[in-house]
Amino acid sequence: MRILLVWLFSLAMLMGADATIEVSKKVEALPGIAVEDASVGSLDDLNKKFFKALVSDLNVLSLFNVDRHYTTADYEDESVNYANKSFEYVMRFRLSRDDTGALVAESKLISAGSVVMAKRYRITNNEKYIFLVHTIAADVNDKMGAPAVDWMKRKVILTRLLAPGRSEIVIADYTLSYQHAVVRGGLNVFPKWADEDQNAFYYTDLDARKPTLYHMDTRTGKATKVLSSDGMMICSDVRRDGKKLLLTMAPDGQPDIYLYDTATKHLQRETRYSGIDVNGQFMEGNKIAFVSSRMGYPNIYSKTLGSDNVRQMVNYGKSNSACSAYNDYIVYKARETNNAFGANTFNLHLISTKTDFIRRLTATGVNEFPRFSDDGDAILFIKNYQNQSAVGVIRIRHNKNYLFPLKIGKVQSIDW
């Protein structure tokens, strides 16, 4: 029974289109931008989907006031559509297929009657067109001299629960517009990218006699057993160089944080507490953050690897969990209400290890699965509110949240 409760505790903490602004705390005088579709031929309405996704991505950049009206133009025309003459910028694209059937996207960024950026893109898998959209938006961002948004082009990995005892591990883009199941059959959970190149990931197989951690190479589809343990086995974080893992294991019925060296296979126990220690996250300076029940309820703590000294990070709230870390910053999920007969509100908060300041990032609903982007610029999360679910992206520097409708069912865990 204790092991079952620990699994449920961990699952709850790691659980769970058009972009729309949820929160904007300051009004900015942003330049206007419109998008023009210059595609020709039969594309099975792919150009309309491309237009919609590009408008959303330009909106997420937080650099423009983006016009959502669908307009067309000839790609070679020197002037923009009459309806767009008042905008400081116009983004024009043309989709086509080459002789091999690959999707080709050409784009121009036009300002004051001049082309200020022109690029050509190609992808062999038409189902991945959304990644072309994300690349175009990231290139526009770079052209405007803004901090890089390479996270837009990265892949997301998640577990989708299908039925009791059945799940799929899915690779997607950050809006979940593209989805490809890479592990099917049985109950496989807690996927975690194994390297910066996203060529492999770890996941836990719960169908084996003991919970077992596997490493899967996405290029070959080969899954290799890493290690197993009685009770539980979860990879909660991977160091950026891929050489160290933080695991939650409970070989004796007590869940603790372990450090695993992928080269030497050495396993080092990092916490020794009679309660629950889970969800370890690497931080800067050889430190980790984790969730513990040391105060009688889940809260966020930190420690230096190899040290026994533990520091409580949050003194606000009575149920703080599901943390993600980037350098000196921690984002965590906190219960804001205690309604025994109705839905409760769970918001995301941001803290720094160097100050006592707490910044609330969401305002309504149940917000969970927070994950920092690899550069710390954005936070991905799942939002449930009024019987609707969405993927959320928080632009930390811009104080803006963006939501994308979630249409894939129940999410168990997610990594970016």
Protein backbone atom coordinates (compact mmCIF):
# COMPACT_ATOMS: atom_id res chain seq x y z
CA MET A 1 0.00 0.00 0.00
CA ARG A 2 2.86 2.40 0.84
CA ILE A 3 4.45 1.87 -2.58
CA LEU A 4 1.09 2.48 -4.29
CA LEU A 5 0.67 5.75 -2.39
CA VAL A 6 4.19 6.83 -3.34
CA TRP A 7 3.52 6.10 -7.03
CA LEU A 8 0.29 8.11 -6.87
CA PHE A 9 2.13 10.95 -5.12
CA SER A 10 4.78 11.02 -7.86
CA LEU A 11 2.25 10.71 -10.67
CA ALA A 12 0.28 13.65 -9.30
CA MET A 13 3.37 15.83 -9.14
CA LEU A 14 4.65 15.05 -12.63
CA MET A 15 1.24 15.04 -14.38
CA GLY A 16 -1.35 16.86 -16.32
CA ALA A 17 -4.33 25.27 -32.59
CA ASP A 18 -4.38 28.89 -32.10
CA ALA A 19 -2.24 30.73 -29.63
CA THR A 20 -4.12 33.25 -27.53
CA ILE A 21 -2.85 35.69 -24.91
CA GLU A 22 -3.94 34.70 -21.42
CA VAL A 23 -2.04 37.30 -19.39
CA SER A 24 -0.40 40.56 -20.41
CA LYS A 25 0.63 42.75 -17.50
CA LYS A 26 1.87 45.73 -19.48
CA VAL A 27 0.82 47.45 -22.68
CA GLU A 28 3.56 47.77 -25.28
CA ALA A 29 3.65 49.75 -28.52
CA LEU A 30 4.53 46.83 -30.78
CA PRO A 31 4.86 47.05 -34.57
CA GLY A 32 2.07 45.47 -36.58
CA ILE A 33 2.61 42.47 -38.85
CA ALA A 34 0.32 40.71 -41.34
CA VAL A 35 0.75 37.37 -43.09
CA GLU A 36 0.11 36.77 -46.80
CA ASP A 37 -0.38 33.37 -48.44
CA ALA A 38 1.21 33.18 -51.90
CA SER A 39 0.82 29.41 -52.38
CA VAL A 40 -0.37 28.02 -55.70
CA GLY A 41 -1.73 24.65 -56.77
CA SER A 42 -3.50 21.94 -54.76
CA LEU A 43 -2.13 21.65 -51.24
CA ASP A 44 -5.20 20.09 -49.61
CA ASP A 45 -5.70 23.20 -47.46
CA LEU A 46 -2.21 22.77 -45.98
CA ASN A 47 -1.55 26.43 -46.82
CA LYS A 48 -4.51 27.46 -44.62
CA LYS A 49 -3.13 25.43 -41.70
CA PHE A 50 0.31 26.88 -42.35
CA PHE A 51 -1.10 30.42 -42.28
CA LYS A 52 -2.93 29.80 -39.01
CA ALA A 53 0.14 28.27 -37.34
CA LEU A 54 2.45 31.04 -38.55
CA VAL A 55 0.12 33.71 -37.15
CA SER A 56 0.16 31.88 -33.81
CA ASP A 57 3.96 31.57 -33.74
CA LEU A 58 4.46 35.24 -34.62
CA ASN A 59 2.12 36.05 -31.77
CA VAL A 60 4.13 33.90 -29.33
CA LEU A 61 7.30 35.81 -30.30
CA SER A 62 5.77 38.74 -28.39
CA LEU A 63 7.44 41.19 -30.79
CA PHE A 64 4.44 42.20 -32.91
CA ASN A 65 0.77 43.01 -32.90
CA VAL A 66 -0.24 40.22 -35.27
CA ASP A 67 -3.15 40.60 -37.68
CA ARG A 68 -5.19 37.39 -37.95
CA HIS A 69 -7.07 38.13 -41.19
CA TYR A 70 -6.28 35.73 -44.03
CA THR A 71 -4.90 37.56 -47.08
CA THR A 72 -3.23 36.40 -50.29
CA ALA A 73 -0.69 37.84 -52.71
CA ASP A 74 1.52 36.89 -55.64
CA TYR A 75 4.88 35.82 -54.22
CA GLU A 76 6.85 37.96 -56.71
CA ASP A 77 4.66 41.03 -56.34
CA GLU A 78 6.70 44.03 -55.19
CA SER A 79 3.78 45.54 -53.29
CA VAL A 80 1.82 44.00 -50.42
CA ASN A 81 -1.89 43.28 -50.38
CA TYR A 82 -3.82 46.56 -50.18
CA ALA A 83 -5.37 45.46 -46.87
CA ASN A 84 -1.89 45.22 -45.34
CA LYS A 85 -0.40 48.55 -46.40
CA SER A 86 -0.74 50.04 -42.92
CA PHE A 87 1.40 47.34 -41.25
CA GLU A 88 5.07 47.91 -40.50
CA TYR A 89 5.84 44.33 -41.54
CA VAL A 90 4.33 41.74 -43.86
CA MET A 91 5.29 38.05 -43.77
CA ARG A 92 4.65 36.37 -47.15
CA PHE A 93 5.02 32.64 -47.72
CA ARG A 94 4.61 30.23 -50.61
CA LEU A 95 4.21 26.47 -50.25
CA SER A 96 4.88 23.96 -53.01
CA ARG A 97 6.11 20.41 -53.52
CA ASP A 98 9.26 19.53 -55.42
CA ASP A 99 9.74 16.58 -57.77
CA THR A 100 10.34 14.21 -54.83
CA GLY A 101 7.11 15.22 -53.08
CA ALA A 102 8.95 17.11 -50.34
CA LEU A 103 7.29 20.23 -48.96
CA VAL A 104 9.04 23.48 -49.86
CA ALA A 105 8.31 26.73 -48.04
CA GLU A 106 9.60 30.09 -49.27
CA SER A 107 9.20 33.17 -47.12
CA LYS A 108 9.80 36.91 -47.29
CA LEU A 109 9.71 39.51 -44.55
CA ILE A 110 8.73 42.83 -46.13
CA SER A 111 9.04 46.26 -44.52
CA ALA A 112 8.59 49.71 -46.08
CA GLY A 113 8.38 48.20 -49.55
CA SER A 114 11.65 46.27 -49.26
CA VAL A 115 12.41 42.60 -48.62
CA VAL A 116 14.46 42.51 -45.40
CA MET A 117 14.66 38.70 -45.12
CA ALA A 118 14.09 35.90 -47.63
CA LYS A 119 14.62 32.19 -46.99
CA ARG A 120 13.72 28.79 -48.43
CA TYR A 121 12.93 25.70 -46.37
CA ARG A 122 12.35 22.05 -47.25
CA ILE A 123 11.07 19.03 -45.34
CA THR A 124 10.58 15.51 -46.65
CA ASN A 125 7.83 14.53 -44.18
CA ASN A 126 4.81 16.71 -44.94
CA GLU A 127 3.24 15.81 -41.60
CA LYS A 128 6.03 17.78 -39.92
CA TYR A 129 5.11 21.04 -41.64
CA ILE A 130 4.63 22.66 -38.22
CA PHE A 131 8.39 22.51 -37.64
CA LEU A 132 8.88 24.64 -40.79
CA VAL A 133 6.50 27.17 -39.26
CA HIS A 134 8.46 27.20 -36.00
CA THR A 135 11.75 27.61 -37.89
CA ILE A 136 10.41 30.55 -39.92
CA ALA A 137 9.17 32.27 -36.75
CA ALA A 138 12.52 31.69 -35.02
CA ASP A 139 14.34 33.19 -38.02
CA VAL A 140 12.07 36.25 -37.95
CA ASN A 141 12.83 36.60 -34.25
CA ASP A 142 16.59 36.48 -34.98
CA LYS A 143 16.20 39.05 -37.76
CA MET A 144 14.52 41.42 -35.29
CA GLY A 145 17.53 41.08 -32.98
CA ALA A 146 15.53 39.54 -30.12
CA PRO A 147 16.95 36.86 -27.75
CA ALA A 148 16.91 33.47 -29.46
CA VAL A 149 13.78 31.30 -29.30
CA ASP A 150 15.35 28.03 -30.43
CA TRP A 151 13.01 26.25 -28.01
CA MET A 152 10.30 26.76 -30.64
CA LYS A 153 12.08 24.26 -32.89
CA ARG A 154 12.64 21.64 -30.20
CA LYS A 155 10.54 18.52 -29.78
CA VAL A 156 8.34 17.67 -26.82
CA ILE A 157 7.98 14.15 -25.45
CA LEU A 158 5.00 13.04 -23.37
CA THR A 159 3.02 10.08 -22.15
CA ARG A 160 -0.61 9.87 -23.24
CA LEU A 161 -2.85 7.64 -21.09
CA LEU A 162 -5.24 5.60 -23.27
CA ALA A 163 -6.95 3.32 -20.74
CA PRO A 164 -6.16 1.69 -17.39
CA GLY A 165 -2.78 0.01 -17.80
CA ARG A 166 -2.26 1.37 -21.35
CA SER A 167 -0.29 4.36 -22.58
CA GLU A 168 1.67 5.77 -25.51
CA ILE A 169 4.87 7.80 -25.51
CA VAL A 170 4.51 10.54 -28.09
CA ILE A 171 6.96 12.96 -29.72
CA ALA A 172 5.40 16.28 -30.67
CA ASP A 173 6.12 19.95 -31.31
CA TYR A 174 5.60 22.48 -28.53
CA THR A 175 2.00 23.19 -29.60
CA LEU A 176 1.25 19.44 -29.90
CA SER A 177 0.03 20.06 -33.47
CA TYR A 178 2.34 17.26 -34.64
CA GLN A 179 2.27 13.96 -32.76
CA HIS A 180 4.06 10.67 -33.42
CA ALA A 181 3.79 7.67 -31.08
CA VAL A 182 7.20 6.04 -30.55
CA VAL A 183 6.37 3.55 -27.75
CA ARG A 184 3.09 1.63 -27.80
CA GLY A 185 1.67 -1.20 -25.72
CA GLY A 186 1.62 -1.62 -21.96
CA LEU A 187 2.14 1.11 -19.39
CA ASN A 188 5.24 3.18 -20.18
CA VAL A 189 5.56 6.49 -18.34
CA PHE A 190 7.81 9.41 -17.34
CA PRO A 191 9.71 9.97 -20.63
CA LYS A 192 12.76 12.24 -20.33
CA TRP A 193 15.06 13.44 -23.14
CA ALA A 194 18.50 11.84 -22.82
CA ASP A 195 20.55 14.49 -24.64
CA GLU A 196 20.48 18.03 -26.00
CA ASP A 197 20.13 16.72 -29.57
CA GLN A 198 16.95 14.85 -28.60
CA ASN A 199 18.15 11.67 -30.29
CA ALA A 200 17.26 9.46 -27.32
CA PHE A 201 15.10 9.39 -24.22
CA TYR A 202 14.58 7.49 -20.98
CA TYR A 203 11.27 6.04 -19.83
CA THR A 204 9.89 3.71 -17.15
CA ASP A 205 8.24 0.39 -18.02
CA LEU A 206 5.70 -0.56 -15.34
CA ASP A 207 4.75 -3.90 -16.95
CA ALA A 208 7.96 -5.63 -15.91
CA ARG A 209 8.29 -7.60 -12.64
CA LYS A 210 10.10 -4.56 -11.26
CA PRO A 211 9.73 -0.97 -12.49
CA THR A 212 12.46 -0.73 -15.14
CA LEU A 213 14.22 2.27 -16.70
CA TYR A 214 14.95 2.05 -20.44
CA HIS A 215 16.99 4.16 -22.84
CA MET A 216 15.57 4.42 -26.37
CA ASP A 217 17.44 5.66 -29.43
CA THR A 218 14.91 7.50 -31.62
CA ARG A 219 17.01 6.94 -34.75
CA THR A 220 17.03 3.15 -34.47
CA GLY A 221 14.04 2.51 -32.21
CA LYS A 222 16.22 0.30 -30.02
CA ALA A 223 15.36 0.23 -26.31
CA THR A 224 18.12 -0.74 -23.85
CA LYS A 225 17.54 -1.60 -20.21
CA VAL A 226 19.36 0.75 -17.81
CA LEU A 227 18.37 -0.57 -14.37
CA SER A 228 15.36 -1.67 -12.35
CA SER A 229 14.28 -1.48 -8.72
CA ASP A 230 11.59 -2.71 -6.41
CA GLY A 231 9.01 -0.11 -5.48
CA MET A 232 9.59 2.59 -8.09
CA MET A 233 12.02 3.77 -10.74
CA ILE A 234 11.71 7.24 -12.31
CA CYS A 235 14.22 9.38 -14.19
CA SER A 236 13.17 12.87 -13.13
CA ASP A 237 15.99 14.83 -14.79
CA VAL A 238 19.02 14.51 -17.08
CA ARG A 239 22.03 16.79 -16.75
CA ARG A 240 22.61 18.91 -19.86
CA ASP A 241 25.65 16.92 -20.92
CA GLY A 242 23.66 13.69 -20.59
CA LYS A 243 26.22 12.12 -18.25
CA LYS A 244 24.22 12.19 -15.02
CA LEU A 245 20.65 11.23 -14.17
CA LEU A 246 18.51 12.02 -11.15
CA LEU A 247 16.39 9.01 -10.26
CA THR A 248 13.62 8.45 -7.75
CA MET A 249 13.87 4.91 -6.35
CA ALA A 250 12.29 3.07 -3.42
CA PRO A 251 14.08 -0.30 -3.12
CA ASP A 252 13.13 -0.54 0.57
CA GLY A 253 9.74 1.16 0.35
CA GLN A 254 11.16 4.65 0.99
CA PRO A 255 11.38 6.94 -2.06
CA ASP A 256 14.65 8.85 -2.26
CA ILE A 257 16.72 10.74 -4.82
CA TYR A 258 19.67 8.93 -6.43
CA LEU A 259 22.42 10.21 -8.74
CA TYR A 260 23.32 7.85 -11.59
CA ASP A 261 26.46 8.11 -13.74
CA THR A 262 25.67 6.91 -17.28
CA ALA A 263 29.34 6.11 -18.06
CA THR A 264 30.46 4.32 -14.89
CA LYS A 265 26.97 2.99 -13.96
CA HIS A 266 27.64 4.19 -10.39
CA LEU A 267 24.53 4.85 -8.30
CA GLN A 268 24.79 7.32 -5.40
CA ARG A 269 22.00 7.89 -2.88
CA GLU A 270 21.41 11.62 -2.32
CA THR A 271 18.57 11.75 0.23
CA ARG A 272 17.80 9.65 3.30
CA TYR A 273 14.45 10.63 4.71
CA SER A 274 11.76 8.46 6.28
CA GLY A 275 9.06 10.20 4.23
CA ILE A 276 8.85 11.05 0.53
CA ASP A 277 11.65 12.63 -1.56
CA VAL A 278 10.94 12.71 -5.30
CA ASN A 279 11.34 14.68 -8.56
CA GLY A 280 15.01 15.73 -8.34
CA GLN A 281 16.04 18.51 -10.74
CA PHE A 282 19.57 19.65 -11.62
CA MET A 283 20.45 23.23 -10.81
CA GLU A 284 23.51 25.43 -11.20
CA GLY A 285 26.55 24.95 -8.94
CA ASN A 286 26.27 21.19 -8.33
CA LYS A 287 22.90 21.67 -6.60
CA ILE A 288 19.57 19.96 -7.05
CA ALA A 289 15.98 20.86 -6.24
CA PHE A 290 13.43 18.24 -5.23
CA VAL A 291 10.01 17.73 -3.67
CA SER A 292 9.78 16.37 -0.12
CA SER A 293 7.14 15.78 2.55
CA ARG A 294 9.54 16.76 5.36
CA MET A 295 7.10 19.34 6.75
CA GLY A 296 4.14 16.97 6.56
CA TYR A 297 3.09 18.22 3.12
CA PRO A 298 4.87 18.42 -0.26
CA ASN A 299 7.27 21.36 -0.54
CA ILE A 300 10.34 22.40 -2.52
CA TYR A 301 13.85 21.85 -1.13
CA SER A 302 17.41 22.09 -2.44
CA LYS A 303 20.77 20.55 -1.56
CA THR A 304 24.31 20.30 -2.87
CA LEU A 305 25.10 16.91 -4.38
CA GLY A 306 27.02 14.76 -1.90
CA SER A 307 25.95 16.92 1.05
CA ASP A 308 23.44 16.13 3.80
CA ASN A 309 22.39 19.77 4.25
CA VAL A 310 18.88 20.41 2.96
CA ARG A 311 17.35 23.86 2.50
CA GLN A 312 13.62 24.61 2.32
CA MET A 313 12.99 26.83 -0.70
CA VAL A 314 9.34 27.85 -0.26
CA ASN A 315 7.66 29.12 2.90
CA TYR A 316 4.35 29.92 1.21
CA GLY A 317 1.54 27.39 0.68
CA LYS A 318 0.80 23.93 2.03
CA SER A 319 1.02 21.81 -1.12
CA ASN A 320 3.92 22.74 -3.42
CA SER A 321 5.06 20.18 -5.98
CA ALA A 322 5.92 19.34 -9.62
CA CYS A 323 9.03 21.51 -9.89
CA SER A 324 11.36 22.22 -12.81
CA ALA A 325 14.70 24.01 -12.51
CA TYR A 326 16.92 26.17 -14.70
CA ASN A 327 20.18 27.47 -13.23
CA ASP A 328 19.11 29.39 -10.09
CA TYR A 329 15.39 29.40 -10.92
CA ILE A 330 12.67 26.96 -9.91
CA VAL A 331 9.10 26.83 -11.21
CA TYR A 332 6.68 24.80 -9.13
CA LYS A 333 3.00 23.93 -8.84
CA ALA A 334 1.16 25.12 -5.72
CA ARG A 335 -2.39 24.52 -4.50
CA GLU A 336 -4.05 27.90 -3.97
CA THR A 337 -7.42 26.74 -2.58
CA ASN A 338 -8.58 23.95 -0.27
CA ASN A 339 -12.09 23.11 -1.40
CA ALA A 340 -13.15 19.69 -0.15
CA PHE A 341 -16.35 19.69 -2.23
CA GLY A 342 -15.25 21.22 -5.52
CA ALA A 343 -12.39 21.95 -7.87
CA ASN A 344 -9.23 23.55 -6.49
CA THR A 345 -6.90 26.05 -8.12
CA PHE A 346 -3.28 25.03 -8.73
CA ASN A 347 -1.01 27.82 -9.96
CA LEU A 348 2.60 27.93 -11.12
CA HIS A 349 5.11 30.07 -9.23
CA LEU A 350 8.68 31.12 -10.02
CA ILE A 351 11.40 31.56 -7.40
CA SER A 352 15.14 32.23 -7.39
CA THR A 353 17.62 30.60 -5.03
CA LYS A 354 19.25 34.02 -4.62
CA THR A 355 16.21 36.00 -3.44
CA ASP A 356 13.02 35.50 -1.41
CA PHE A 357 10.81 36.83 -4.21
CA ILE A 358 7.96 34.60 -5.45
CA ARG A 359 6.33 35.37 -8.79
CA ARG A 360 2.97 33.80 -9.62
CA LEU A 361 2.84 32.84 -13.31
CA THR A 362 -0.79 31.67 -13.71
CA ALA A 363 -4.08 32.80 -12.24
CA THR A 364 -6.88 30.27 -12.76
CA GLY A 365 -7.57 26.56 -13.17
CA VAL A 366 -5.26 23.61 -12.63
CA ASN A 367 -1.79 24.33 -14.02
CA GLU A 368 0.66 21.42 -14.02
CA PHE A 369 3.70 19.72 -15.65
CA PRO A 370 5.86 22.90 -15.71
CA ARG A 371 9.02 22.43 -17.80
CA PHE A 372 11.65 25.08 -18.52
CA SER A 373 12.90 25.39 -22.09
CA ASP A 374 16.55 24.41 -22.47
CA ASP A 375 17.58 28.09 -22.45
CA GLY A 376 15.27 29.16 -19.61
CA ASP A 377 13.40 31.62 -21.85
CA ALA A 378 10.02 29.90 -21.65
CA ILE A 379 8.00 27.46 -19.56
CA LEU A 380 5.77 24.77 -21.04
CA PHE A 381 2.81 23.53 -18.97
CA ILE A 382 -0.66 21.98 -19.15
CA LYS A 383 -3.70 24.02 -18.13
CA ASN A 384 -7.11 22.60 -17.18
CA TYR A 385 -9.92 25.11 -16.74
CA GLN A 386 -13.71 24.85 -17.03
CA ASN A 387 -13.62 21.35 -18.54
CA GLN A 388 -11.09 22.41 -21.19
CA SER A 389 -7.39 21.60 -21.43
CA ALA A 390 -4.61 23.45 -23.21
CA VAL A 391 -0.87 23.47 -23.67
CA GLY A 392 0.50 26.68 -22.18
CA VAL A 393 3.69 28.59 -22.95
CA ILE A 394 4.88 31.29 -20.55
CA ARG A 395 7.23 33.92 -21.97
CA ILE A 396 8.94 34.88 -18.72
CA ARG A 397 10.63 38.09 -19.92
CA HIS A 398 7.44 39.33 -21.60
CA ASN A 399 4.98 38.50 -18.79
CA LYS A 400 2.72 36.74 -21.28
CA ASN A 401 1.03 33.34 -21.38
CA TYR A 402 -0.17 31.64 -24.57
CA LEU A 403 -2.57 28.70 -24.75
CA PHE A 404 -3.10 26.02 -27.42
CA PRO A 405 -6.15 23.71 -27.21
CA LEU A 406 -5.21 20.21 -26.06
CA LYS A 407 -6.89 17.46 -28.09
CA ILE A 408 -4.94 14.33 -27.20
CA GLY A 409 -6.59 13.07 -24.03
CA LYS A 410 -4.97 12.61 -20.63
CA VAL A 411 -1.32 13.60 -20.30
CA GLN A 412 0.68 11.75 -17.62
CA SER A 413 4.04 13.53 -17.92
CA ILE A 414 5.86 15.80 -20.35
CA ASP A 415 9.41 16.88 -21.15
CA TRP A 416 10.76 19.57 -23.48
